Amino acid sequence: MNQVRVASLGLDKASNTPVVILQELDGERVLPIWIGPGEASAIAMELAGMKFSRPLTHDLFMAMLQGLGSELQRVLITKVVDNTYHAELIIRRDGQVVSIDARPSDSIAIALRAKAPIYAHEDLLEQASIEIQPSEIEPGEGPDVPDAEEAKGMDAEQLKEYLKRLNPEDFGRFNP
């Protein structure tokens, strides 16, 4: 497992689908994960430090964890099955550790609130990541980002080749 951070939150220009870009802490590889607009807003609001008088869903989850005497230790992005990423919330309570299956988007939103580290499995970074190489692609010259339907039609090797050529600037900015 490699520790990653939220490098940016973008918008797939072709489909208007939000994309969270995770970058490994000790490297240049990035892992794009297409997510829903609600989760993108939750991530963007936390990154911007926006707080509300009443708890939103991910804030409520954090309050429940704390109220039960639990702590989010880390988030693991573990695999991709049928173009769907899977994650686990690793929670500690009373000396016991529990792993809970979750969507990466929700997991990332919760990890940001808990200030918990996020890890991606090496296989995901190796197979589905892209490396940032700004010298190879001038800004604005990158390939179009495939929408969710186009990505589903690609086999693993096609997607890997496409992602190698992709530049994070190819994504628009997501605004909550």
N, C-alpha and C. Protein backbone atom coordinates (compact mmCIF):
# COMPACT_ATOMS: atom_id res chain seq x y z
N MET A 1 0.84 -1.19 0.00
CA MET A 1 0.00 0.00 0.00
C MET A 1 0.89 1.25 0.00
N ASN A 2 0.49 2.22 -0.81
CA ASN A 2 1.20 3.48 -0.87
C ASN A 2 0.28 4.59 -0.36
N GLN A 3 0.83 5.45 0.46
CA GLN A 3 0.03 6.56 0.96
C GLN A 3 -0.18 7.57 -0.16
N VAL A 4 -1.42 8.05 -0.27
CA VAL A 4 -1.78 9.04 -1.29
C VAL A 4 -2.45 10.22 -0.61
N ARG A 5 -2.56 11.29 -1.36
CA ARG A 5 -3.27 12.48 -0.87
C ARG A 5 -4.20 12.96 -1.98
N VAL A 6 -5.18 13.76 -1.61
CA VAL A 6 -6.05 14.35 -2.62
C VAL A 6 -5.26 15.49 -3.26
N ALA A 7 -4.88 15.28 -4.51
CA ALA A 7 -4.09 16.29 -5.23
C ALA A 7 -5.01 17.35 -5.82
N SER A 8 -6.16 16.91 -6.34
CA SER A 8 -7.11 17.87 -6.88
C SER A 8 -8.46 17.20 -7.07
N LEU A 9 -9.42 18.02 -7.33
CA LEU A 9 -10.77 17.57 -7.61
C LEU A 9 -11.14 18.22 -8.92
N GLY A 10 -11.45 17.40 -9.92
CA GLY A 10 -11.72 17.93 -11.24
C GLY A 10 -13.09 17.56 -11.74
N LEU A 11 -13.36 18.01 -12.94
CA LEU A 11 -14.64 17.72 -13.58
C LEU A 11 -14.32 17.19 -14.98
N ASP A 12 -14.75 15.97 -15.27
CA ASP A 12 -14.58 15.38 -16.59
C ASP A 12 -15.38 16.24 -17.56
N LYS A 13 -14.69 16.92 -18.44
CA LYS A 13 -15.35 17.87 -19.34
C LYS A 13 -16.35 17.20 -20.28
N ALA A 14 -16.08 15.96 -20.65
CA ALA A 14 -16.96 15.27 -21.60
C ALA A 14 -18.29 14.88 -20.98
N SER A 15 -18.28 14.49 -19.70
CA SER A 15 -19.51 13.99 -19.10
C SER A 15 -19.99 14.81 -17.90
N ASN A 16 -19.23 15.84 -17.54
CA ASN A 16 -19.51 16.64 -16.34
C ASN A 16 -19.53 15.78 -15.08
N THR A 17 -18.73 14.71 -15.07
CA THR A 17 -18.62 13.83 -13.91
C THR A 17 -17.42 14.25 -13.08
N PRO A 18 -17.59 14.42 -11.77
CA PRO A 18 -16.45 14.79 -10.92
C PRO A 18 -15.42 13.66 -10.87
N VAL A 19 -14.15 14.06 -10.76
CA VAL A 19 -13.03 13.13 -10.67
C VAL A 19 -12.13 13.59 -9.53
N VAL A 20 -11.85 12.68 -8.60
CA VAL A 20 -10.88 13.00 -7.55
C VAL A 20 -9.54 12.43 -8.01
N ILE A 21 -8.51 13.25 -7.91
CA ILE A 21 -7.17 12.86 -8.32
C ILE A 21 -6.34 12.62 -7.06
N LEU A 22 -5.93 11.36 -6.86
CA LEU A 22 -5.09 11.00 -5.73
C LEU A 22 -3.65 10.90 -6.22
N GLN A 23 -2.72 11.46 -5.47
CA GLN A 23 -1.30 11.39 -5.84
C GLN A 23 -0.54 10.72 -4.71
N GLU A 24 0.36 9.80 -5.06
CA GLU A 24 1.16 9.15 -4.04
C GLU A 24 2.07 10.18 -3.38
N LEU A 25 2.28 10.04 -2.07
CA LEU A 25 3.09 11.00 -1.33
C LEU A 25 4.55 10.95 -1.74
N ASP A 26 5.06 9.77 -1.96
CA ASP A 26 6.48 9.62 -2.28
C ASP A 26 6.70 9.27 -3.74
N GLY A 27 5.98 9.91 -4.62
CA GLY A 27 6.13 9.63 -6.04
C GLY A 27 5.31 10.58 -6.87
N GLU A 28 5.29 10.32 -8.15
CA GLU A 28 4.61 11.19 -9.10
C GLU A 28 3.34 10.59 -9.68
N ARG A 29 3.06 9.31 -9.38
CA ARG A 29 1.88 8.68 -9.97
C ARG A 29 0.61 9.26 -9.34
N VAL A 30 -0.40 9.38 -10.18
CA VAL A 30 -1.71 9.83 -9.70
C VAL A 30 -2.75 8.81 -10.13
N LEU A 31 -3.80 8.74 -9.34
CA LEU A 31 -4.88 7.79 -9.58
C LEU A 31 -6.19 8.56 -9.68
N PRO A 32 -6.79 8.65 -10.88
CA PRO A 32 -8.09 9.33 -11.01
C PRO A 32 -9.23 8.38 -10.68
N ILE A 33 -10.18 8.84 -9.88
CA ILE A 33 -11.36 8.04 -9.57
C ILE A 33 -12.59 8.90 -9.83
N TRP A 34 -13.43 8.44 -10.75
CA TRP A 34 -14.67 9.16 -11.07
C TRP A 34 -15.64 8.94 -9.91
N ILE A 35 -16.26 10.02 -9.43
CA ILE A 35 -17.12 9.96 -8.25
C ILE A 35 -18.43 10.71 -8.51
N GLY A 36 -19.35 10.60 -7.57
CA GLY A 36 -20.63 11.30 -7.68
C GLY A 36 -20.53 12.76 -7.25
N PRO A 37 -21.47 13.57 -7.69
CA PRO A 37 -21.44 15.00 -7.36
C PRO A 37 -21.61 15.29 -5.86
N GLY A 38 -22.40 14.49 -5.15
CA GLY A 38 -22.58 14.71 -3.71
C GLY A 38 -21.29 14.50 -2.95
N GLU A 39 -20.59 13.42 -3.28
CA GLU A 39 -19.33 13.12 -2.61
C GLU A 39 -18.26 14.14 -3.01
N ALA A 40 -18.29 14.56 -4.28
CA ALA A 40 -17.35 15.58 -4.74
C ALA A 40 -17.55 16.87 -3.95
N SER A 41 -18.82 17.24 -3.72
CA SER A 41 -19.10 18.43 -2.93
C SER A 41 -18.60 18.28 -1.50
N ALA A 42 -18.80 17.09 -0.92
CA ALA A 42 -18.35 16.85 0.46
C ALA A 42 -16.83 16.96 0.55
N ILE A 43 -16.13 16.43 -0.45
CA ILE A 43 -14.66 16.52 -0.47
C ILE A 43 -14.24 17.97 -0.66
N ALA A 44 -14.85 18.65 -1.63
CA ALA A 44 -14.49 20.04 -1.92
C ALA A 44 -14.75 20.95 -0.72
N MET A 45 -15.87 20.74 -0.04
CA MET A 45 -16.18 21.58 1.12
C MET A 45 -15.17 21.38 2.24
N GLU A 46 -14.74 20.15 2.45
CA GLU A 46 -13.75 19.89 3.50
C GLU A 46 -12.40 20.47 3.11
N LEU A 47 -12.01 20.32 1.85
CA LEU A 47 -10.75 20.89 1.39
C LEU A 47 -10.75 22.41 1.52
N ALA A 48 -11.92 23.02 1.32
CA ALA A 48 -12.04 24.48 1.43
C ALA A 48 -12.24 24.94 2.87
N GLY A 49 -12.39 24.00 3.80
CA GLY A 49 -12.58 24.37 5.20
C GLY A 49 -13.97 24.91 5.51
N MET A 50 -14.94 24.61 4.66
CA MET A 50 -16.30 25.09 4.88
C MET A 50 -16.98 24.26 5.97
N LYS A 51 -17.60 24.94 6.92
CA LYS A 51 -18.33 24.27 7.99
C LYS A 51 -19.77 24.77 7.99
N PHE A 52 -20.67 23.90 8.42
CA PHE A 52 -22.08 24.23 8.44
C PHE A 52 -22.61 24.12 9.86
N SER A 53 -23.70 24.82 10.13
CA SER A 53 -24.25 24.80 11.49
C SER A 53 -24.84 23.43 11.84
N ARG A 54 -25.30 22.70 10.85
CA ARG A 54 -25.86 21.36 11.06
C ARG A 54 -24.97 20.36 10.33
N PRO A 55 -24.79 19.16 10.87
CA PRO A 55 -23.88 18.21 10.24
C PRO A 55 -24.42 17.64 8.93
N LEU A 56 -23.54 17.59 7.94
CA LEU A 56 -23.84 16.89 6.70
C LEU A 56 -23.53 15.41 6.91
N THR A 57 -23.83 14.58 5.95
CA THR A 57 -23.73 13.12 6.13
C THR A 57 -22.35 12.67 6.61
N HIS A 58 -21.29 13.15 5.98
CA HIS A 58 -19.95 12.71 6.37
C HIS A 58 -19.55 13.27 7.74
N ASP A 59 -20.06 14.45 8.06
CA ASP A 59 -19.83 15.02 9.39
C ASP A 59 -20.58 14.20 10.44
N LEU A 60 -21.78 13.79 10.11
CA LEU A 60 -22.58 12.95 11.00
C LEU A 60 -21.86 11.63 11.27
N PHE A 61 -21.31 11.04 10.23
CA PHE A 61 -20.56 9.79 10.40
C PHE A 61 -19.40 9.99 11.36
N MET A 62 -18.67 11.09 11.20
CA MET A 62 -17.55 11.38 12.11
C MET A 62 -18.04 11.57 13.54
N ALA A 63 -19.15 12.26 13.72
CA ALA A 63 -19.70 12.47 15.07
C ALA A 63 -20.11 11.14 15.70
N MET A 64 -20.67 10.25 14.89
CA MET A 64 -21.05 8.92 15.39
C MET A 64 -19.82 8.12 15.80
N LEU A 65 -18.79 8.15 14.98
CA LEU A 65 -17.55 7.45 15.32
C LEU A 65 -17.02 7.95 16.67
N GLN A 66 -16.92 9.25 16.79
CA GLN A 66 -16.38 9.84 18.02
C GLN A 66 -17.29 9.55 19.21
N GLY A 67 -18.60 9.63 19.00
CA GLY A 67 -19.56 9.36 20.08
C GLY A 67 -19.49 7.93 20.57
N LEU A 68 -19.10 7.02 19.69
CA LEU A 68 -18.98 5.61 20.06
C LEU A 68 -17.57 5.27 20.55
N GLY A 69 -16.74 6.28 20.68
CA GLY A 69 -15.38 6.05 21.16
C GLY A 69 -14.48 5.39 20.14
N SER A 70 -14.78 5.60 18.87
CA SER A 70 -14.00 5.00 17.80
C SER A 70 -13.16 6.05 17.09
N GLU A 71 -12.19 5.55 16.32
CA GLU A 71 -11.30 6.44 15.58
C GLU A 71 -11.03 5.83 14.21
N LEU A 72 -11.12 6.66 13.17
CA LEU A 72 -10.75 6.20 11.84
C LEU A 72 -9.23 6.21 11.77
N GLN A 73 -8.63 5.04 11.63
CA GLN A 73 -7.18 4.92 11.58
C GLN A 73 -6.63 5.24 10.20
N ARG A 74 -7.31 4.70 9.15
CA ARG A 74 -6.85 4.92 7.79
C ARG A 74 -7.92 4.44 6.82
N VAL A 75 -7.75 4.84 5.57
CA VAL A 75 -8.60 4.41 4.48
C VAL A 75 -7.71 3.65 3.50
N LEU A 76 -8.21 2.52 3.03
CA LEU A 76 -7.49 1.71 2.05
C LEU A 76 -8.31 1.64 0.77
N ILE A 77 -7.74 2.04 -0.34
CA ILE A 77 -8.38 1.85 -1.62
C ILE A 77 -7.76 0.57 -2.16
N THR A 78 -8.58 -0.48 -2.22
CA THR A 78 -8.04 -1.83 -2.33
C THR A 78 -8.06 -2.47 -3.70
N LYS A 79 -9.11 -2.21 -4.47
CA LYS A 79 -9.24 -2.92 -5.75
C LYS A 79 -10.24 -2.21 -6.65
N VAL A 80 -10.28 -2.68 -7.87
CA VAL A 80 -11.28 -2.24 -8.83
C VAL A 80 -11.88 -3.49 -9.45
N VAL A 81 -13.22 -3.57 -9.42
CA VAL A 81 -13.95 -4.71 -9.98
C VAL A 81 -15.03 -4.15 -10.89
N ASP A 82 -15.02 -4.59 -12.15
CA ASP A 82 -15.99 -4.09 -13.13
C ASP A 82 -16.02 -2.57 -13.16
N ASN A 83 -14.85 -1.97 -13.23
CA ASN A 83 -14.68 -0.50 -13.30
C ASN A 83 -15.20 0.23 -12.07
N THR A 84 -15.37 -0.48 -10.96
CA THR A 84 -15.81 0.15 -9.72
C THR A 84 -14.71 -0.03 -8.67
N TYR A 85 -14.26 1.08 -8.11
CA TYR A 85 -13.24 1.03 -7.07
C TYR A 85 -13.88 0.65 -5.74
N HIS A 86 -13.10 -0.04 -4.91
CA HIS A 86 -13.53 -0.47 -3.58
C HIS A 86 -12.56 0.09 -2.55
N ALA A 87 -13.09 0.38 -1.38
CA ALA A 87 -12.25 0.90 -0.30
C ALA A 87 -12.68 0.27 1.02
N GLU A 88 -11.84 0.43 2.01
CA GLU A 88 -12.14 -0.03 3.37
C GLU A 88 -11.82 1.09 4.35
N LEU A 89 -12.71 1.26 5.30
CA LEU A 89 -12.46 2.15 6.44
C LEU A 89 -11.89 1.27 7.55
N ILE A 90 -10.73 1.62 8.06
CA ILE A 90 -10.12 0.87 9.15
C ILE A 90 -10.36 1.67 10.43
N ILE A 91 -11.20 1.10 11.30
CA ILE A 91 -11.65 1.80 12.50
C ILE A 91 -11.18 1.06 13.74
N ARG A 92 -10.69 1.82 14.71
CA ARG A 92 -10.23 1.25 15.98
C ARG A 92 -11.17 1.70 17.10
N ARG A 93 -11.55 0.71 17.93
CA ARG A 93 -12.39 1.00 19.10
C ARG A 93 -12.04 0.02 20.20
N ASP A 94 -11.73 0.53 21.36
CA ASP A 94 -11.40 -0.31 22.52
C ASP A 94 -10.34 -1.36 22.18
N GLY A 95 -9.31 -0.97 21.44
CA GLY A 95 -8.23 -1.88 21.13
C GLY A 95 -8.53 -2.85 20.00
N GLN A 96 -9.74 -2.85 19.49
CA GLN A 96 -10.11 -3.73 18.39
C GLN A 96 -10.14 -2.94 17.09
N VAL A 97 -9.75 -3.60 16.00
CA VAL A 97 -9.75 -2.97 14.68
C VAL A 97 -10.82 -3.63 13.83
N VAL A 98 -11.61 -2.80 13.18
CA VAL A 98 -12.69 -3.27 12.32
C VAL A 98 -12.49 -2.68 10.93
N SER A 99 -12.70 -3.49 9.90
CA SER A 99 -12.63 -3.03 8.52
C SER A 99 -14.05 -2.99 7.97
N ILE A 100 -14.41 -1.84 7.39
CA ILE A 100 -15.76 -1.66 6.84
C ILE A 100 -15.65 -1.34 5.35
N ASP A 101 -16.36 -2.11 4.54
CA ASP A 101 -16.40 -1.90 3.09
C ASP A 101 -17.09 -0.57 2.81
N ALA A 102 -16.51 0.23 1.91
CA ALA A 102 -17.08 1.54 1.61
C ALA A 102 -16.69 1.97 0.20
N ARG A 103 -17.38 2.98 -0.30
CA ARG A 103 -17.00 3.56 -1.58
C ARG A 103 -15.79 4.47 -1.34
N PRO A 104 -14.86 4.53 -2.29
CA PRO A 104 -13.71 5.41 -2.11
C PRO A 104 -14.10 6.88 -1.92
N SER A 105 -15.12 7.33 -2.62
CA SER A 105 -15.51 8.74 -2.51
C SER A 105 -15.95 9.09 -1.09
N ASP A 106 -16.79 8.24 -0.49
CA ASP A 106 -17.21 8.47 0.89
C ASP A 106 -16.02 8.33 1.84
N SER A 107 -15.19 7.34 1.58
CA SER A 107 -14.02 7.09 2.43
C SER A 107 -13.08 8.28 2.43
N ILE A 108 -12.87 8.86 1.26
CA ILE A 108 -11.98 10.03 1.15
C ILE A 108 -12.58 11.21 1.90
N ALA A 109 -13.88 11.45 1.73
CA ALA A 109 -14.54 12.56 2.43
C ALA A 109 -14.43 12.40 3.94
N ILE A 110 -14.57 11.19 4.43
CA ILE A 110 -14.47 10.92 5.88
C ILE A 110 -13.03 11.04 6.34
N ALA A 111 -12.08 10.49 5.56
CA ALA A 111 -10.66 10.57 5.93
C ALA A 111 -10.19 12.01 6.05
N LEU A 112 -10.65 12.87 5.15
CA LEU A 112 -10.27 14.28 5.23
C LEU A 112 -10.77 14.91 6.53
N ARG A 113 -11.98 14.57 6.93
CA ARG A 113 -12.53 15.11 8.17
C ARG A 113 -11.80 14.56 9.40
N ALA A 114 -11.38 13.30 9.32
CA ALA A 114 -10.70 12.66 10.45
C ALA A 114 -9.19 12.92 10.43
N LYS A 115 -8.73 13.53 9.36
CA LYS A 115 -7.29 13.74 9.17
C LYS A 115 -6.55 12.40 9.23
N ALA A 116 -7.18 11.39 8.64
CA ALA A 116 -6.63 10.03 8.61
C ALA A 116 -5.92 9.82 7.27
N PRO A 117 -4.86 9.02 7.26
CA PRO A 117 -4.16 8.77 6.00
C PRO A 117 -4.98 7.90 5.05
N ILE A 118 -4.71 8.09 3.77
CA ILE A 118 -5.37 7.33 2.71
C ILE A 118 -4.27 6.55 1.98
N TYR A 119 -4.54 5.27 1.73
CA TYR A 119 -3.58 4.41 1.03
C TYR A 119 -4.25 3.79 -0.18
N ALA A 120 -3.48 3.62 -1.25
CA ALA A 120 -3.96 2.92 -2.44
C ALA A 120 -3.08 1.70 -2.65
N HIS A 121 -3.70 0.61 -3.03
CA HIS A 121 -2.97 -0.63 -3.29
C HIS A 121 -2.00 -0.41 -4.45
N GLU A 122 -0.81 -0.94 -4.33
CA GLU A 122 0.23 -0.79 -5.36
C GLU A 122 -0.27 -1.22 -6.73
N ASP A 123 -1.05 -2.29 -6.80
CA ASP A 123 -1.57 -2.75 -8.09
C ASP A 123 -2.41 -1.69 -8.78
N LEU A 124 -3.20 -0.94 -8.01
CA LEU A 124 -4.02 0.12 -8.60
C LEU A 124 -3.14 1.23 -9.14
N LEU A 125 -2.13 1.61 -8.37
CA LEU A 125 -1.23 2.66 -8.83
C LEU A 125 -0.44 2.21 -10.05
N GLU A 126 -0.11 0.95 -10.09
CA GLU A 126 0.66 0.41 -11.21
C GLU A 126 -0.20 0.26 -12.46
N GLN A 127 -1.41 -0.26 -12.32
CA GLN A 127 -2.24 -0.57 -13.48
C GLN A 127 -3.08 0.60 -13.97
N ALA A 128 -3.60 1.40 -13.05
CA ALA A 128 -4.58 2.41 -13.46
C ALA A 128 -4.13 3.83 -13.21
N SER A 129 -2.87 4.02 -12.87
CA SER A 129 -2.42 5.37 -12.56
C SER A 129 -1.79 6.03 -13.77
N ILE A 130 -1.55 7.30 -13.60
CA ILE A 130 -0.82 8.06 -14.61
C ILE A 130 0.33 8.74 -13.90
N GLU A 131 1.39 9.01 -14.64
CA GLU A 131 2.50 9.74 -14.05
C GLU A 131 2.46 11.15 -14.55
N ILE A 132 2.69 12.09 -13.64
CA ILE A 132 2.71 13.49 -14.02
C ILE A 132 4.05 13.76 -14.68
N GLN A 133 4.00 14.13 -15.94
CA GLN A 133 5.22 14.47 -16.66
C GLN A 133 4.94 15.74 -17.45
N PRO A 134 4.99 16.90 -16.76
CA PRO A 134 4.60 18.15 -17.40
C PRO A 134 5.43 18.48 -18.63
N SER A 135 6.66 18.00 -18.73
CA SER A 135 7.49 18.33 -19.87
C SER A 135 7.00 17.66 -21.15
N GLU A 136 6.23 16.57 -21.02
CA GLU A 136 5.78 15.84 -22.19
C GLU A 136 4.54 16.44 -22.83
N ILE A 137 3.68 17.07 -22.06
CA ILE A 137 2.42 17.60 -22.59
C ILE A 137 2.31 19.07 -22.20
N GLU A 138 2.17 19.91 -23.18
CA GLU A 138 1.98 21.32 -22.90
C GLU A 138 0.56 21.55 -22.41
N PRO A 139 0.35 22.53 -21.51
CA PRO A 139 -1.01 22.80 -21.03
C PRO A 139 -1.98 23.03 -22.19
N GLY A 140 -3.14 22.39 -22.08
CA GLY A 140 -4.17 22.55 -23.10
C GLY A 140 -4.01 21.63 -24.30
N GLU A 141 -2.92 20.83 -24.35
CA GLU A 141 -2.71 19.96 -25.49
C GLU A 141 -3.02 18.50 -25.19
N GLY A 142 -3.50 18.19 -24.01
CA GLY A 142 -3.73 16.80 -23.63
C GLY A 142 -4.92 16.20 -24.32
N PRO A 143 -5.10 14.88 -24.18
CA PRO A 143 -6.23 14.19 -24.80
C PRO A 143 -7.54 14.54 -24.10
N ASP A 144 -8.65 14.34 -24.81
CA ASP A 144 -9.95 14.51 -24.16
C ASP A 144 -10.12 13.42 -23.11
N VAL A 145 -10.78 13.75 -22.03
CA VAL A 145 -11.04 12.78 -20.96
C VAL A 145 -12.25 11.95 -21.36
N PRO A 146 -12.14 10.60 -21.29
CA PRO A 146 -13.30 9.80 -21.67
C PRO A 146 -14.39 9.95 -20.62
N ASP A 147 -15.63 9.91 -21.06
CA ASP A 147 -16.69 9.93 -20.07
C ASP A 147 -16.84 8.53 -19.49
N ALA A 148 -17.73 8.39 -18.52
CA ALA A 148 -17.88 7.11 -17.81
C ALA A 148 -18.24 5.98 -18.77
N GLU A 149 -19.09 6.24 -19.76
CA GLU A 149 -19.48 5.19 -20.70
C GLU A 149 -18.31 4.76 -21.57
N GLU A 150 -17.51 5.73 -22.05
CA GLU A 150 -16.34 5.38 -22.86
C GLU A 150 -15.34 4.57 -22.05
N ALA A 151 -15.13 4.96 -20.79
CA ALA A 151 -14.18 4.24 -19.93
C ALA A 151 -14.64 2.81 -19.71
N LYS A 152 -15.94 2.59 -19.57
CA LYS A 152 -16.45 1.23 -19.37
C LYS A 152 -16.17 0.35 -20.58
N GLY A 153 -16.11 0.94 -21.77
CA GLY A 153 -15.87 0.18 -22.98
C GLY A 153 -14.41 -0.18 -23.22
N MET A 154 -13.51 0.37 -22.44
CA MET A 154 -12.09 0.09 -22.62
C MET A 154 -11.69 -1.15 -21.84
N ASP A 155 -10.82 -1.95 -22.44
CA ASP A 155 -10.28 -3.06 -21.65
C ASP A 155 -9.15 -2.51 -20.79
N ALA A 156 -8.61 -3.33 -19.90
CA ALA A 156 -7.62 -2.87 -18.94
C ALA A 156 -6.39 -2.27 -19.62
N GLU A 157 -5.93 -2.89 -20.70
CA GLU A 157 -4.73 -2.40 -21.38
C GLU A 157 -4.99 -1.07 -22.08
N GLN A 158 -6.16 -0.91 -22.70
CA GLN A 158 -6.51 0.35 -23.36
C GLN A 158 -6.60 1.48 -22.32
N LEU A 159 -7.24 1.19 -21.20
CA LEU A 159 -7.38 2.20 -20.15
C LEU A 159 -6.00 2.58 -19.61
N LYS A 160 -5.15 1.60 -19.39
CA LYS A 160 -3.80 1.87 -18.88
C LYS A 160 -3.03 2.77 -19.86
N GLU A 161 -3.09 2.47 -21.16
CA GLU A 161 -2.40 3.29 -22.16
C GLU A 161 -2.97 4.70 -22.19
N TYR A 162 -4.29 4.81 -22.14
CA TYR A 162 -4.93 6.12 -22.14
C TYR A 162 -4.48 6.94 -20.94
N LEU A 163 -4.51 6.31 -19.75
CA LEU A 163 -4.16 7.02 -18.53
C LEU A 163 -2.70 7.45 -18.52
N LYS A 164 -1.82 6.71 -19.16
CA LYS A 164 -0.41 7.11 -19.24
C LYS A 164 -0.25 8.42 -19.98
N ARG A 165 -1.11 8.68 -20.95
CA ARG A 165 -1.02 9.90 -21.76
C ARG A 165 -1.78 11.08 -21.15
N LEU A 166 -2.54 10.81 -20.11
CA LEU A 166 -3.41 11.81 -19.53
C LEU A 166 -2.63 12.77 -18.63
N ASN A 167 -3.03 14.00 -18.64
CA ASN A 167 -2.42 15.04 -17.81
C ASN A 167 -3.49 15.58 -16.87
N PRO A 168 -3.20 15.80 -15.59
CA PRO A 168 -4.23 16.30 -14.66
C PRO A 168 -4.90 17.59 -15.12
N GLU A 169 -4.20 18.40 -15.91
CA GLU A 169 -4.79 19.64 -16.41
C GLU A 169 -5.91 19.38 -17.41
N ASP A 170 -6.01 18.13 -17.90
CA ASP A 170 -7.06 17.80 -18.84
C ASP A 170 -8.44 17.81 -18.18
N PHE A 171 -8.48 17.79 -16.86
CA PHE A 171 -9.73 17.84 -16.12
C PHE A 171 -10.05 19.29 -15.79
N GLY A 172 -11.31 19.64 -15.86
CA GLY A 172 -11.73 20.95 -15.41
C GLY A 172 -11.74 20.99 -13.90
N ARG A 173 -11.87 22.15 -13.32
CA ARG A 173 -11.96 22.30 -11.88
C ARG A 173 -13.38 22.04 -11.43
N PHE A 174 -13.52 21.37 -10.28
CA PHE A 174 -14.84 21.12 -9.71
C PHE A 174 -15.10 22.18 -8.66
N ASN A 175 -16.25 22.81 -8.73
CA ASN A 175 -16.65 23.79 -7.74
C ASN A 175 -17.94 23.33 -7.09
N PRO A 176 -17.97 23.26 -5.73
CA PRO A 176 -19.20 22.79 -5.05
C PRO A 176 -20.34 23.77 -5.21
